[in-house]
Amino acid sequence: MGTEARKKRAIGAAAAFSSSILADLPDDAGGDGVEPTETVDAARDDALLLDSFFSKPTCLGLALRFPKVWKVEHEEFESSIVCDDGTELKASLIVDASGFTSSFIEYDKPRNVGYQIAHGILAEVDSHPFDLDKMVLMDWRDSHLGNEPYLRANNSKLPTFLYVMPFDSNLVFLEETSLVSRPVLPYMEVKKRMVARLRHLGIRVRTVIEDEKCLIPMGGPLPKIPQSVMAIGGNSGIVHPSTGYTVAQTMAVAPFLAETIAECLGSTRMIRGTPLYHRAWNGLWPVERRLSREFYNFGMETLLKLDLNGTRRFFDAFFELNPYYWQGFLSSRLSLGELLLLGVSLFGKASSPSKLDMVRKCPVPLVKMVGNVALEAI
């Protein structure tokens, strides 16, 4: 993939993953909903930021290279990478931001992840029914599958929702998403559901400007802590296990990680090797954050056990919570104590069928979470 293609892909991703919130609507709902926490302009700002980064790296004091890393080697106080074009680079610490499939990050537990998969298009359309000042996060309606019995039966077991970000009356980003499944829902299944939904909504696509196939591994164990290569982004465990959100959280922790590394390498004693690895990894994953992540993993394991009706009931209760809690959960801002309060409040607000779902389907994930929290706290 060339530089220009990478740039366009990154800018498209910035637009696709803006995290505004609109509660899901029942089948008989109109167009109104909860006001979003961000505007569409925020996504455009993200795109401009990335465009500036790729266009003017030297202004940031960076040198961008695009060869593939072939091999990583470590000595006591120095590491080196060898690239497929023959380039060799040396550093006190290698930071790997290459994503979930990186072969350079070690794990000491099986990676039993869930998967979020989505099909999205940025399209010019004749018209669409969405409000221009709102974004739709989760539309779980399945009325569009009334004439698709096979798709409707599968959707009732492994549901997908529609995500919408309108730019104007003829330009819209549309995405059909499986929130989490294990194993992953087939991509063509997701694509067929989106086609059926757009047909039902009367949306006629003139031109697909960009299309997106999105696969996000979620949850599972953290990487081995510490280790010689520092991870950031999708390979670091920072992907939100219950939502798949990654970009905002990565940008939030990156300055703290950079500061920790700078303090170590800039000190008069030049902290390197094993002490550097310990400080960097524990700066990214302090004990409190590891404990909170176990709760988010519990949320993912719960969602994996819910069908369409159970998922709808769950989110009915979730968005009835105080906005501080549901917004904090989605953005990974809550402390462990606040997450526990959220869990109690969520159970209290849940309908009787939803409570029954939790009682019947959550004990095993709950026991697993408690066990993992106990191990992390020791």
Foldseek 3Di string as FASTA:
>chain_A
DDLVVVLVVQLVVLQVQDDWEWFADEPPDDQDTDATPDWSVNSVVSSVVSNCCSVCVVVVVDDDDDFAWDDWDDDQQKIWTATPVGDIDIDRAAEDAPAAPDPPFAAPDDFQWWKKKKKKFWFFWPFFRHDQGGWYDFHQYDPLCPVPVVLVVVCQAQNWGWTKHDNDGGTIMIMIMRQTEVPDDDPVSSVVSVVSVCVVRVIGTDDGPDMDIDMATADGDATDQFDRHHYAWNNGRQQQRRGRDTDVSRVVLVVQLVVLLCCQCVDPVNNGGPVSSNSNSCSSPPLFLNLLSLLSNLNNQLVNRHGSVLVSQLSVLLVVDDCVLSVCSVNVNDTPVSSVVSVVSSLVSGDPVNVVSCVVRRPVSVVVSVVVNVVSVD
